[in-house]
Amino acid sequence: FTISRDNAKNTVYLQMNSLEPEDT
């Protein structure tokens, strides 16, 4: 997972890769 933010868009993101059933 990678967290990032774009304050100009007033938004924070969470990029989730290689997802597993345990991430449900």
PDBML (XML) file of the C-alpha atoms, coordinates in Angstrom:
<?xml version="1.0" encoding="UTF-8" ?>
<PDBx:datablock datablockName="MODEL"
   xmlns:PDBx="http://pdbml.pdb.org/schema/pdbx-v50.xsd"
   xmlns:xsi="http://www.w3.org/2001/XMLSchema-instance"
   xsi:schemaLocation="http://pdbml.pdb.org/schema/pdbx-v50.xsd pdbx-v50.xsd">
   <PDBx:atom_siteCategory>
      <PDBx:atom_site id="1">
         <PDBx:B_iso_or_equiv>0.00</PDBx:B_iso_or_equiv>
         <PDBx:Cartn_x>0.000</PDBx:Cartn_x>
         <PDBx:Cartn_y>0.000</PDBx:Cartn_y>
         <PDBx:Cartn_z>0.000</PDBx:Cartn_z>
         <PDBx:auth_asym_id>A</PDBx:auth_asym_id>
         <PDBx:auth_atom_id>CA</PDBx:auth_atom_id>
         <PDBx:auth_comp_id>PHE</PDBx:auth_comp_id>
         <PDBx:auth_seq_id>1</PDBx:auth_seq_id>
         <PDBx:group_PDB>ATOM</PDBx:group_PDB>
         <PDBx:label_alt_id xsi:nil="true" />
         <PDBx:label_asym_id>A</PDBx:label_asym_id>
         <PDBx:label_atom_id>CA</PDBx:label_atom_id>
         <PDBx:label_comp_id>PHE</PDBx:label_comp_id>
         <PDBx:label_entity_id>1</PDBx:label_entity_id>
         <PDBx:label_seq_id>1</PDBx:label_seq_id>
         <PDBx:occupancy>1.00</PDBx:occupancy>
         <PDBx:pdbx_PDB_model_num>1</PDBx:pdbx_PDB_model_num>
         <PDBx:type_symbol>C</PDBx:type_symbol>
      </PDBx:atom_site>
      <PDBx:atom_site id="2">
         <PDBx:B_iso_or_equiv>0.00</PDBx:B_iso_or_equiv>
         <PDBx:Cartn_x>1.057</PDBx:Cartn_x>
         <PDBx:Cartn_y>3.571</PDBx:Cartn_y>
         <PDBx:Cartn_z>-0.656</PDBx:Cartn_z>
         <PDBx:auth_asym_id>A</PDBx:auth_asym_id>
         <PDBx:auth_atom_id>CA</PDBx:auth_atom_id>
         <PDBx:auth_comp_id>THR</PDBx:auth_comp_id>
         <PDBx:auth_seq_id>2</PDBx:auth_seq_id>
         <PDBx:group_PDB>ATOM</PDBx:group_PDB>
         <PDBx:label_alt_id xsi:nil="true" />
         <PDBx:label_asym_id>A</PDBx:label_asym_id>
         <PDBx:label_atom_id>CA</PDBx:label_atom_id>
         <PDBx:label_comp_id>THR</PDBx:label_comp_id>
         <PDBx:label_entity_id>1</PDBx:label_entity_id>
         <PDBx:label_seq_id>2</PDBx:label_seq_id>
         <PDBx:occupancy>1.00</PDBx:occupancy>
         <PDBx:pdbx_PDB_model_num>1</PDBx:pdbx_PDB_model_num>
         <PDBx:type_symbol>C</PDBx:type_symbol>
      </PDBx:atom_site>
      <PDBx:atom_site id="3">
         <PDBx:B_iso_or_equiv>0.00</PDBx:B_iso_or_equiv>
         <PDBx:Cartn_x>-0.514</PDBx:Cartn_x>
         <PDBx:Cartn_y>6.638</PDBx:Cartn_y>
         <PDBx:Cartn_z>0.905</PDBx:Cartn_z>
         <PDBx:auth_asym_id>A</PDBx:auth_asym_id>
         <PDBx:auth_atom_id>CA</PDBx:auth_atom_id>
         <PDBx:auth_comp_id>ILE</PDBx:auth_comp_id>
         <PDBx:auth_seq_id>3</PDBx:auth_seq_id>
         <PDBx:group_PDB>ATOM</PDBx:group_PDB>
         <PDBx:label_alt_id xsi:nil="true" />
         <PDBx:label_asym_id>A</PDBx:label_asym_id>
         <PDBx:label_atom_id>CA</PDBx:label_atom_id>
         <PDBx:label_comp_id>ILE</PDBx:label_comp_id>
         <PDBx:label_entity_id>1</PDBx:label_entity_id>
         <PDBx:label_seq_id>3</PDBx:label_seq_id>
         <PDBx:occupancy>1.00</PDBx:occupancy>
         <PDBx:pdbx_PDB_model_num>1</PDBx:pdbx_PDB_model_num>
         <PDBx:type_symbol>C</PDBx:type_symbol>
      </PDBx:atom_site>
      <PDBx:atom_site id="4">
         <PDBx:B_iso_or_equiv>0.00</PDBx:B_iso_or_equiv>
         <PDBx:Cartn_x>-0.261</PDBx:Cartn_x>
         <PDBx:Cartn_y>10.056</PDBx:Cartn_y>
         <PDBx:Cartn_z>-0.731</PDBx:Cartn_z>
         <PDBx:auth_asym_id>A</PDBx:auth_asym_id>
         <PDBx:auth_atom_id>CA</PDBx:auth_atom_id>
         <PDBx:auth_comp_id>SER</PDBx:auth_comp_id>
         <PDBx:auth_seq_id>4</PDBx:auth_seq_id>
         <PDBx:group_PDB>ATOM</PDBx:group_PDB>
         <PDBx:label_alt_id xsi:nil="true" />
         <PDBx:label_asym_id>A</PDBx:label_asym_id>
         <PDBx:label_atom_id>CA</PDBx:label_atom_id>
         <PDBx:label_comp_id>SER</PDBx:label_comp_id>
         <PDBx:label_entity_id>1</PDBx:label_entity_id>
         <PDBx:label_seq_id>4</PDBx:label_seq_id>
         <PDBx:occupancy>1.00</PDBx:occupancy>
         <PDBx:pdbx_PDB_model_num>1</PDBx:pdbx_PDB_model_num>
         <PDBx:type_symbol>C</PDBx:type_symbol>
      </PDBx:atom_site>
      <PDBx:atom_site id="5">
         <PDBx:B_iso_or_equiv>0.00</PDBx:B_iso_or_equiv>
         <PDBx:Cartn_x>-1.989</PDBx:Cartn_x>
         <PDBx:Cartn_y>13.385</PDBx:Cartn_y>
         <PDBx:Cartn_z>-0.645</PDBx:Cartn_z>
         <PDBx:auth_asym_id>A</PDBx:auth_asym_id>
         <PDBx:auth_atom_id>CA</PDBx:auth_atom_id>
         <PDBx:auth_comp_id>ARG</PDBx:auth_comp_id>
         <PDBx:auth_seq_id>5</PDBx:auth_seq_id>
         <PDBx:group_PDB>ATOM</PDBx:group_PDB>
         <PDBx:label_alt_id xsi:nil="true" />
         <PDBx:label_asym_id>A</PDBx:label_asym_id>
         <PDBx:label_atom_id>CA</PDBx:label_atom_id>
         <PDBx:label_comp_id>ARG</PDBx:label_comp_id>
         <PDBx:label_entity_id>1</PDBx:label_entity_id>
         <PDBx:label_seq_id>5</PDBx:label_seq_id>
         <PDBx:occupancy>1.00</PDBx:occupancy>
         <PDBx:pdbx_PDB_model_num>1</PDBx:pdbx_PDB_model_num>
         <PDBx:type_symbol>C</PDBx:type_symbol>
      </PDBx:atom_site>
      <PDBx:atom_site id="6">
         <PDBx:B_iso_or_equiv>0.00</PDBx:B_iso_or_equiv>
         <PDBx:Cartn_x>-2.808</PDBx:Cartn_x>
         <PDBx:Cartn_y>16.236</PDBx:Cartn_y>
         <PDBx:Cartn_z>-2.969</PDBx:Cartn_z>
         <PDBx:auth_asym_id>A</PDBx:auth_asym_id>
         <PDBx:auth_atom_id>CA</PDBx:auth_atom_id>
         <PDBx:auth_comp_id>ASP</PDBx:auth_comp_id>
         <PDBx:auth_seq_id>6</PDBx:auth_seq_id>
         <PDBx:group_PDB>ATOM</PDBx:group_PDB>
         <PDBx:label_alt_id xsi:nil="true" />
         <PDBx:label_asym_id>A</PDBx:label_asym_id>
         <PDBx:label_atom_id>CA</PDBx:label_atom_id>
         <PDBx:label_comp_id>ASP</PDBx:label_comp_id>
         <PDBx:label_entity_id>1</PDBx:label_entity_id>
         <PDBx:label_seq_id>6</PDBx:label_seq_id>
         <PDBx:occupancy>1.00</PDBx:occupancy>
         <PDBx:pdbx_PDB_model_num>1</PDBx:pdbx_PDB_model_num>
         <PDBx:type_symbol>C</PDBx:type_symbol>
      </PDBx:atom_site>
      <PDBx:atom_site id="7">
         <PDBx:B_iso_or_equiv>0.00</PDBx:B_iso_or_equiv>
         <PDBx:Cartn_x>-3.636</PDBx:Cartn_x>
         <PDBx:Cartn_y>19.205</PDBx:Cartn_y>
         <PDBx:Cartn_z>-0.788</PDBx:Cartn_z>
         <PDBx:auth_asym_id>A</PDBx:auth_asym_id>
         <PDBx:auth_atom_id>CA</PDBx:auth_atom_id>
         <PDBx:auth_comp_id>ASN</PDBx:auth_comp_id>
         <PDBx:auth_seq_id>7</PDBx:auth_seq_id>
         <PDBx:group_PDB>ATOM</PDBx:group_PDB>
         <PDBx:label_alt_id xsi:nil="true" />
         <PDBx:label_asym_id>A</PDBx:label_asym_id>
         <PDBx:label_atom_id>CA</PDBx:label_atom_id>
         <PDBx:label_comp_id>ASN</PDBx:label_comp_id>
         <PDBx:label_entity_id>1</PDBx:label_entity_id>
         <PDBx:label_seq_id>7</PDBx:label_seq_id>
         <PDBx:occupancy>1.00</PDBx:occupancy>
         <PDBx:pdbx_PDB_model_num>1</PDBx:pdbx_PDB_model_num>
         <PDBx:type_symbol>C</PDBx:type_symbol>
      </PDBx:atom_site>
      <PDBx:atom_site id="8">
         <PDBx:B_iso_or_equiv>0.00</PDBx:B_iso_or_equiv>
         <PDBx:Cartn_x>-4.601</PDBx:Cartn_x>
         <PDBx:Cartn_y>21.272</PDBx:Cartn_y>
         <PDBx:Cartn_z>-3.823</PDBx:Cartn_z>
         <PDBx:auth_asym_id>A</PDBx:auth_asym_id>
         <PDBx:auth_atom_id>CA</PDBx:auth_atom_id>
         <PDBx:auth_comp_id>ALA</PDBx:auth_comp_id>
         <PDBx:auth_seq_id>8</PDBx:auth_seq_id>
         <PDBx:group_PDB>ATOM</PDBx:group_PDB>
         <PDBx:label_alt_id xsi:nil="true" />
         <PDBx:label_asym_id>A</PDBx:label_asym_id>
         <PDBx:label_atom_id>CA</PDBx:label_atom_id>
         <PDBx:label_comp_id>ALA</PDBx:label_comp_id>
         <PDBx:label_entity_id>1</PDBx:label_entity_id>
         <PDBx:label_seq_id>8</PDBx:label_seq_id>
         <PDBx:occupancy>1.00</PDBx:occupancy>
         <PDBx:pdbx_PDB_model_num>1</PDBx:pdbx_PDB_model_num>
         <PDBx:type_symbol>C</PDBx:type_symbol>
      </PDBx:atom_site>
      <PDBx:atom_site id="9">
         <PDBx:B_iso_or_equiv>0.00</PDBx:B_iso_or_equiv>
         <PDBx:Cartn_x>-7.388</PDBx:Cartn_x>
         <PDBx:Cartn_y>18.742</PDBx:Cartn_y>
         <PDBx:Cartn_z>-4.431</PDBx:Cartn_z>
         <PDBx:auth_asym_id>A</PDBx:auth_asym_id>
         <PDBx:auth_atom_id>CA</PDBx:auth_atom_id>
         <PDBx:auth_comp_id>LYS</PDBx:auth_comp_id>
         <PDBx:auth_seq_id>9</PDBx:auth_seq_id>
         <PDBx:group_PDB>ATOM</PDBx:group_PDB>
         <PDBx:label_alt_id xsi:nil="true" />
         <PDBx:label_asym_id>A</PDBx:label_asym_id>
         <PDBx:label_atom_id>CA</PDBx:label_atom_id>
         <PDBx:label_comp_id>LYS</PDBx:label_comp_id>
         <PDBx:label_entity_id>1</PDBx:label_entity_id>
         <PDBx:label_seq_id>9</PDBx:label_seq_id>
         <PDBx:occupancy>1.00</PDBx:occupancy>
         <PDBx:pdbx_PDB_model_num>1</PDBx:pdbx_PDB_model_num>
         <PDBx:type_symbol>C</PDBx:type_symbol>
      </PDBx:atom_site>
      <PDBx:atom_site id="10">
         <PDBx:B_iso_or_equiv>0.00</PDBx:B_iso_or_equiv>
         <PDBx:Cartn_x>-8.113</PDBx:Cartn_x>
         <PDBx:Cartn_y>18.363</PDBx:Cartn_y>
         <PDBx:Cartn_z>-0.725</PDBx:Cartn_z>
         <PDBx:auth_asym_id>A</PDBx:auth_asym_id>
         <PDBx:auth_atom_id>CA</PDBx:auth_atom_id>
         <PDBx:auth_comp_id>ASN</PDBx:auth_comp_id>
         <PDBx:auth_seq_id>10</PDBx:auth_seq_id>
         <PDBx:group_PDB>ATOM</PDBx:group_PDB>
         <PDBx:label_alt_id xsi:nil="true" />
         <PDBx:label_asym_id>A</PDBx:label_asym_id>
         <PDBx:label_atom_id>CA</PDBx:label_atom_id>
         <PDBx:label_comp_id>ASN</PDBx:label_comp_id>
         <PDBx:label_entity_id>1</PDBx:label_entity_id>
         <PDBx:label_seq_id>10</PDBx:label_seq_id>
         <PDBx:occupancy>1.00</PDBx:occupancy>
         <PDBx:pdbx_PDB_model_num>1</PDBx:pdbx_PDB_model_num>
         <PDBx:type_symbol>C</PDBx:type_symbol>
      </PDBx:atom_site>
      <PDBx:atom_site id="11">
         <PDBx:B_iso_or_equiv>0.00</PDBx:B_iso_or_equiv>
         <PDBx:Cartn_x>-7.720</PDBx:Cartn_x>
         <PDBx:Cartn_y>14.631</PDBx:Cartn_y>
         <PDBx:Cartn_z>-1.197</PDBx:Cartn_z>
         <PDBx:auth_asym_id>A</PDBx:auth_asym_id>
         <PDBx:auth_atom_id>CA</PDBx:auth_atom_id>
         <PDBx:auth_comp_id>THR</PDBx:auth_comp_id>
         <PDBx:auth_seq_id>11</PDBx:auth_seq_id>
         <PDBx:group_PDB>ATOM</PDBx:group_PDB>
         <PDBx:label_alt_id xsi:nil="true" />
         <PDBx:label_asym_id>A</PDBx:label_asym_id>
         <PDBx:label_atom_id>CA</PDBx:label_atom_id>
         <PDBx:label_comp_id>THR</PDBx:label_comp_id>
         <PDBx:label_entity_id>1</PDBx:label_entity_id>
         <PDBx:label_seq_id>11</PDBx:label_seq_id>
         <PDBx:occupancy>1.00</PDBx:occupancy>
         <PDBx:pdbx_PDB_model_num>1</PDBx:pdbx_PDB_model_num>
         <PDBx:type_symbol>C</PDBx:type_symbol>
      </PDBx:atom_site>
      <PDBx:atom_site id="12">
         <PDBx:B_iso_or_equiv>0.00</PDBx:B_iso_or_equiv>
         <PDBx:Cartn_x>-5.699</PDBx:Cartn_x>
         <PDBx:Cartn_y>11.781</PDBx:Cartn_y>
         <PDBx:Cartn_z>0.252</PDBx:Cartn_z>
         <PDBx:auth_asym_id>A</PDBx:auth_asym_id>
         <PDBx:auth_atom_id>CA</PDBx:auth_atom_id>
         <PDBx:auth_comp_id>VAL</PDBx:auth_comp_id>
         <PDBx:auth_seq_id>12</PDBx:auth_seq_id>
         <PDBx:group_PDB>ATOM</PDBx:group_PDB>
         <PDBx:label_alt_id xsi:nil="true" />
         <PDBx:label_asym_id>A</PDBx:label_asym_id>
         <PDBx:label_atom_id>CA</PDBx:label_atom_id>
         <PDBx:label_comp_id>VAL</PDBx:label_comp_id>
         <PDBx:label_entity_id>1</PDBx:label_entity_id>
         <PDBx:label_seq_id>12</PDBx:label_seq_id>
         <PDBx:occupancy>1.00</PDBx:occupancy>
         <PDBx:pdbx_PDB_model_num>1</PDBx:pdbx_PDB_model_num>
         <PDBx:type_symbol>C</PDBx:type_symbol>
      </PDBx:atom_site>
      <PDBx:atom_site id="13">
         <PDBx:B_iso_or_equiv>0.00</PDBx:B_iso_or_equiv>
         <PDBx:Cartn_x>-5.191</PDBx:Cartn_x>
         <PDBx:Cartn_y>8.526</PDBx:Cartn_y>
         <PDBx:Cartn_z>-1.620</PDBx:Cartn_z>
         <PDBx:auth_asym_id>A</PDBx:auth_asym_id>
         <PDBx:auth_atom_id>CA</PDBx:auth_atom_id>
         <PDBx:auth_comp_id>TYR</PDBx:auth_comp_id>
         <PDBx:auth_seq_id>13</PDBx:auth_seq_id>
         <PDBx:group_PDB>ATOM</PDBx:group_PDB>
         <PDBx:label_alt_id xsi:nil="true" />
         <PDBx:label_asym_id>A</PDBx:label_asym_id>
         <PDBx:label_atom_id>CA</PDBx:label_atom_id>
         <PDBx:label_comp_id>TYR</PDBx:label_comp_id>
         <PDBx:label_entity_id>1</PDBx:label_entity_id>
         <PDBx:label_seq_id>13</PDBx:label_seq_id>
         <PDBx:occupancy>1.00</PDBx:occupancy>
         <PDBx:pdbx_PDB_model_num>1</PDBx:pdbx_PDB_model_num>
         <PDBx:type_symbol>C</PDBx:type_symbol>
      </PDBx:atom_site>
      <PDBx:atom_site id="14">
         <PDBx:B_iso_or_equiv>0.00</PDBx:B_iso_or_equiv>
         <PDBx:Cartn_x>-4.450</PDBx:Cartn_x>
         <PDBx:Cartn_y>4.952</PDBx:Cartn_y>
         <PDBx:Cartn_z>-0.669</PDBx:Cartn_z>
         <PDBx:auth_asym_id>A</PDBx:auth_asym_id>
         <PDBx:auth_atom_id>CA</PDBx:auth_atom_id>
         <PDBx:auth_comp_id>LEU</PDBx:auth_comp_id>
         <PDBx:auth_seq_id>14</PDBx:auth_seq_id>
         <PDBx:group_PDB>ATOM</PDBx:group_PDB>
         <PDBx:label_alt_id xsi:nil="true" />
         <PDBx:label_asym_id>A</PDBx:label_asym_id>
         <PDBx:label_atom_id>CA</PDBx:label_atom_id>
         <PDBx:label_comp_id>LEU</PDBx:label_comp_id>
         <PDBx:label_entity_id>1</PDBx:label_entity_id>
         <PDBx:label_seq_id>14</PDBx:label_seq_id>
         <PDBx:occupancy>1.00</PDBx:occupancy>
         <PDBx:pdbx_PDB_model_num>1</PDBx:pdbx_PDB_model_num>
         <PDBx:type_symbol>C</PDBx:type_symbol>
      </PDBx:atom_site>
      <PDBx:atom_site id="15">
         <PDBx:B_iso_or_equiv>0.00</PDBx:B_iso_or_equiv>
         <PDBx:Cartn_x>-3.010</PDBx:Cartn_x>
         <PDBx:Cartn_y>2.904</PDBx:Cartn_y>
         <PDBx:Cartn_z>-3.514</PDBx:Cartn_z>
         <PDBx:auth_asym_id>A</PDBx:auth_asym_id>
         <PDBx:auth_atom_id>CA</PDBx:auth_atom_id>
         <PDBx:auth_comp_id>GLN</PDBx:auth_comp_id>
         <PDBx:auth_seq_id>15</PDBx:auth_seq_id>
         <PDBx:group_PDB>ATOM</PDBx:group_PDB>
         <PDBx:label_alt_id xsi:nil="true" />
         <PDBx:label_asym_id>A</PDBx:label_asym_id>
         <PDBx:label_atom_id>CA</PDBx:label_atom_id>
         <PDBx:label_comp_id>GLN</PDBx:label_comp_id>
         <PDBx:label_entity_id>1</PDBx:label_entity_id>
         <PDBx:label_seq_id>15</PDBx:label_seq_id>
         <PDBx:occupancy>1.00</PDBx:occupancy>
         <PDBx:pdbx_PDB_model_num>1</PDBx:pdbx_PDB_model_num>
         <PDBx:type_symbol>C</PDBx:type_symbol>
      </PDBx:atom_site>
      <PDBx:atom_site id="16">
         <PDBx:B_iso_or_equiv>0.00</PDBx:B_iso_or_equiv>
         <PDBx:Cartn_x>-3.454</PDBx:Cartn_x>
         <PDBx:Cartn_y>-0.774</PDBx:Cartn_y>
         <PDBx:Cartn_z>-2.741</PDBx:Cartn_z>
         <PDBx:auth_asym_id>A</PDBx:auth_asym_id>
         <PDBx:auth_atom_id>CA</PDBx:auth_atom_id>
         <PDBx:auth_comp_id>MET</PDBx:auth_comp_id>
         <PDBx:auth_seq_id>16</PDBx:auth_seq_id>
         <PDBx:group_PDB>ATOM</PDBx:group_PDB>
         <PDBx:label_alt_id xsi:nil="true" />
         <PDBx:label_asym_id>A</PDBx:label_asym_id>
         <PDBx:label_atom_id>CA</PDBx:label_atom_id>
         <PDBx:label_comp_id>MET</PDBx:label_comp_id>
         <PDBx:label_entity_id>1</PDBx:label_entity_id>
         <PDBx:label_seq_id>16</PDBx:label_seq_id>
         <PDBx:occupancy>1.00</PDBx:occupancy>
         <PDBx:pdbx_PDB_model_num>1</PDBx:pdbx_PDB_model_num>
         <PDBx:type_symbol>C</PDBx:type_symbol>
      </PDBx:atom_site>
      <PDBx:atom_site id="17">
         <PDBx:B_iso_or_equiv>0.00</PDBx:B_iso_or_equiv>
         <PDBx:Cartn_x>-1.573</PDBx:Cartn_x>
         <PDBx:Cartn_y>-3.374</PDBx:Cartn_y>
         <PDBx:Cartn_z>-4.762</PDBx:Cartn_z>
         <PDBx:auth_asym_id>A</PDBx:auth_asym_id>
         <PDBx:auth_atom_id>CA</PDBx:auth_atom_id>
         <PDBx:auth_comp_id>ASN</PDBx:auth_comp_id>
         <PDBx:auth_seq_id>17</PDBx:auth_seq_id>
         <PDBx:group_PDB>ATOM</PDBx:group_PDB>
         <PDBx:label_alt_id xsi:nil="true" />
         <PDBx:label_asym_id>A</PDBx:label_asym_id>
         <PDBx:label_atom_id>CA</PDBx:label_atom_id>
         <PDBx:label_comp_id>ASN</PDBx:label_comp_id>
         <PDBx:label_entity_id>1</PDBx:label_entity_id>
         <PDBx:label_seq_id>17</PDBx:label_seq_id>
         <PDBx:occupancy>1.00</PDBx:occupancy>
         <PDBx:pdbx_PDB_model_num>1</PDBx:pdbx_PDB_model_num>
         <PDBx:type_symbol>C</PDBx:type_symbol>
      </PDBx:atom_site>
      <PDBx:atom_site id="18">
         <PDBx:B_iso_or_equiv>0.00</PDBx:B_iso_or_equiv>
         <PDBx:Cartn_x>-1.249</PDBx:Cartn_x>
         <PDBx:Cartn_y>-7.149</PDBx:Cartn_y>
         <PDBx:Cartn_z>-4.513</PDBx:Cartn_z>
         <PDBx:auth_asym_id>A</PDBx:auth_asym_id>
         <PDBx:auth_atom_id>CA</PDBx:auth_atom_id>
         <PDBx:auth_comp_id>SER</PDBx:auth_comp_id>
         <PDBx:auth_seq_id>18</PDBx:auth_seq_id>
         <PDBx:group_PDB>ATOM</PDBx:group_PDB>
         <PDBx:label_alt_id xsi:nil="true" />
         <PDBx:label_asym_id>A</PDBx:label_asym_id>
         <PDBx:label_atom_id>CA</PDBx:label_atom_id>
         <PDBx:label_comp_id>SER</PDBx:label_comp_id>
         <PDBx:label_entity_id>1</PDBx:label_entity_id>
         <PDBx:label_seq_id>18</PDBx:label_seq_id>
         <PDBx:occupancy>1.00</PDBx:occupancy>
         <PDBx:pdbx_PDB_model_num>1</PDBx:pdbx_PDB_model_num>
         <PDBx:type_symbol>C</PDBx:type_symbol>
      </PDBx:atom_site>
      <PDBx:atom_site id="19">
         <PDBx:B_iso_or_equiv>0.00</PDBx:B_iso_or_equiv>
         <PDBx:Cartn_x>-4.510</PDBx:Cartn_x>
         <PDBx:Cartn_y>-7.327</PDBx:Cartn_y>
         <PDBx:Cartn_z>-2.633</PDBx:Cartn_z>
         <PDBx:auth_asym_id>A</PDBx:auth_asym_id>
         <PDBx:auth_atom_id>CA</PDBx:auth_atom_id>
         <PDBx:auth_comp_id>LEU</PDBx:auth_comp_id>
         <PDBx:auth_seq_id>19</PDBx:auth_seq_id>
         <PDBx:group_PDB>ATOM</PDBx:group_PDB>
         <PDBx:label_alt_id xsi:nil="true" />
         <PDBx:label_asym_id>A</PDBx:label_asym_id>
         <PDBx:label_atom_id>CA</PDBx:label_atom_id>
         <PDBx:label_comp_id>LEU</PDBx:label_comp_id>
         <PDBx:label_entity_id>1</PDBx:label_entity_id>
         <PDBx:label_seq_id>19</PDBx:label_seq_id>
         <PDBx:occupancy>1.00</PDBx:occupancy>
         <PDBx:pdbx_PDB_model_num>1</PDBx:pdbx_PDB_model_num>
         <PDBx:type_symbol>C</PDBx:type_symbol>
      </PDBx:atom_site>
      <PDBx:atom_site id="20">
         <PDBx:B_iso_or_equiv>0.00</PDBx:B_iso_or_equiv>
         <PDBx:Cartn_x>-5.252</PDBx:Cartn_x>
         <PDBx:Cartn_y>-10.425</PDBx:Cartn_y>
         <PDBx:Cartn_z>-0.606</PDBx:Cartn_z>
         <PDBx:auth_asym_id>A</PDBx:auth_asym_id>
         <PDBx:auth_atom_id>CA</PDBx:auth_atom_id>
         <PDBx:auth_comp_id>GLU</PDBx:auth_comp_id>
         <PDBx:auth_seq_id>20</PDBx:auth_seq_id>
         <PDBx:group_PDB>ATOM</PDBx:group_PDB>
         <PDBx:label_alt_id xsi:nil="true" />
         <PDBx:label_asym_id>A</PDBx:label_asym_id>
         <PDBx:label_atom_id>CA</PDBx:label_atom_id>
         <PDBx:label_comp_id>GLU</PDBx:label_comp_id>
         <PDBx:label_entity_id>1</PDBx:label_entity_id>
         <PDBx:label_seq_id>20</PDBx:label_seq_id>
         <PDBx:occupancy>1.00</PDBx:occupancy>
         <PDBx:pdbx_PDB_model_num>1</PDBx:pdbx_PDB_model_num>
         <PDBx:type_symbol>C</PDBx:type_symbol>
      </PDBx:atom_site>
      <PDBx:atom_site id="21">
         <PDBx:B_iso_or_equiv>0.00</PDBx:B_iso_or_equiv>
         <PDBx:Cartn_x>-8.500</PDBx:Cartn_x>
         <PDBx:Cartn_y>-11.841</PDBx:Cartn_y>
         <PDBx:Cartn_z>0.777</PDBx:Cartn_z>
         <PDBx:auth_asym_id>A</PDBx:auth_asym_id>
         <PDBx:auth_atom_id>CA</PDBx:auth_atom_id>
         <PDBx:auth_comp_id>PRO</PDBx:auth_comp_id>
         <PDBx:auth_seq_id>21</PDBx:auth_seq_id>
         <PDBx:group_PDB>ATOM</PDBx:group_PDB>
         <PDBx:label_alt_id xsi:nil="true" />
         <PDBx:label_asym_id>A</PDBx:label_asym_id>
         <PDBx:label_atom_id>CA</PDBx:label_atom_id>
         <PDBx:label_comp_id>PRO</PDBx:label_comp_id>
         <PDBx:label_entity_id>1</PDBx:label_entity_id>
         <PDBx:label_seq_id>21</PDBx:label_seq_id>
         <PDBx:occupancy>1.00</PDBx:occupancy>
         <PDBx:pdbx_PDB_model_num>1</PDBx:pdbx_PDB_model_num>
         <PDBx:type_symbol>C</PDBx:type_symbol>
      </PDBx:atom_site>
      <PDBx:atom_site id="22">
         <PDBx:B_iso_or_equiv>0.00</PDBx:B_iso_or_equiv>
         <PDBx:Cartn_x>-7.286</PDBx:Cartn_x>
         <PDBx:Cartn_y>-10.746</PDBx:Cartn_y>
         <PDBx:Cartn_z>4.207</PDBx:Cartn_z>
         <PDBx:auth_asym_id>A</PDBx:auth_asym_id>
         <PDBx:auth_atom_id>CA</PDBx:auth_atom_id>
         <PDBx:auth_comp_id>GLU</PDBx:auth_comp_id>
         <PDBx:auth_seq_id>22</PDBx:auth_seq_id>
         <PDBx:group_PDB>ATOM</PDBx:group_PDB>
         <PDBx:label_alt_id xsi:nil="true" />
         <PDBx:label_asym_id>A</PDBx:label_asym_id>
         <PDBx:label_atom_id>CA</PDBx:label_atom_id>
         <PDBx:label_comp_id>GLU</PDBx:label_comp_id>
         <PDBx:label_entity_id>1</PDBx:label_entity_id>
         <PDBx:label_seq_id>22</PDBx:label_seq_id>
         <PDBx:occupancy>1.00</PDBx:occupancy>
         <PDBx:pdbx_PDB_model_num>1</PDBx:pdbx_PDB_model_num>
         <PDBx:type_symbol>C</PDBx:type_symbol>
      </PDBx:atom_site>
      <PDBx:atom_site id="23">
         <PDBx:B_iso_or_equiv>0.00</PDBx:B_iso_or_equiv>
         <PDBx:Cartn_x>-7.509</PDBx:Cartn_x>
         <PDBx:Cartn_y>-7.135</PDBx:Cartn_y>
         <PDBx:Cartn_z>3.023</PDBx:Cartn_z>
         <PDBx:auth_asym_id>A</PDBx:auth_asym_id>
         <PDBx:auth_atom_id>CA</PDBx:auth_atom_id>
         <PDBx:auth_comp_id>ASP</PDBx:auth_comp_id>
         <PDBx:auth_seq_id>23</PDBx:auth_seq_id>
         <PDBx:group_PDB>ATOM</PDBx:group_PDB>
         <PDBx:label_alt_id xsi:nil="true" />
         <PDBx:label_asym_id>A</PDBx:label_asym_id>
         <PDBx:label_atom_id>CA</PDBx:label_atom_id>
         <PDBx:label_comp_id>ASP</PDBx:label_comp_id>
         <PDBx:label_entity_id>1</PDBx:label_entity_id>
         <PDBx:label_seq_id>23</PDBx:label_seq_id>
         <PDBx:occupancy>1.00</PDBx:occupancy>
         <PDBx:pdbx_PDB_model_num>1</PDBx:pdbx_PDB_model_num>
         <PDBx:type_symbol>C</PDBx:type_symbol>
      </PDBx:atom_site>
      <PDBx:atom_site id="24">
         <PDBx:B_iso_or_equiv>0.00</PDBx:B_iso_or_equiv>
         <PDBx:Cartn_x>-11.290</PDBx:Cartn_x>
         <PDBx:Cartn_y>-7.409</PDBx:Cartn_y>
         <PDBx:Cartn_z>2.776</PDBx:Cartn_z>
         <PDBx:auth_asym_id>A</PDBx:auth_asym_id>
         <PDBx:auth_atom_id>CA</PDBx:auth_atom_id>
         <PDBx:auth_comp_id>THR</PDBx:auth_comp_id>
         <PDBx:auth_seq_id>24</PDBx:auth_seq_id>
         <PDBx:group_PDB>ATOM</PDBx:group_PDB>
         <PDBx:label_alt_id xsi:nil="true" />
         <PDBx:label_asym_id>A</PDBx:label_asym_id>
         <PDBx:label_atom_id>CA</PDBx:label_atom_id>
         <PDBx:label_comp_id>THR</PDBx:label_comp_id>
         <PDBx:label_entity_id>1</PDBx:label_entity_id>
         <PDBx:label_seq_id>24</PDBx:label_seq_id>
         <PDBx:occupancy>1.00</PDBx:occupancy>
         <PDBx:pdbx_PDB_model_num>1</PDBx:pdbx_PDB_model_num>
         <PDBx:type_symbol>C</PDBx:type_symbol>
      </PDBx:atom_site>
   </PDBx:atom_siteCategory>
</PDBx:datablock>
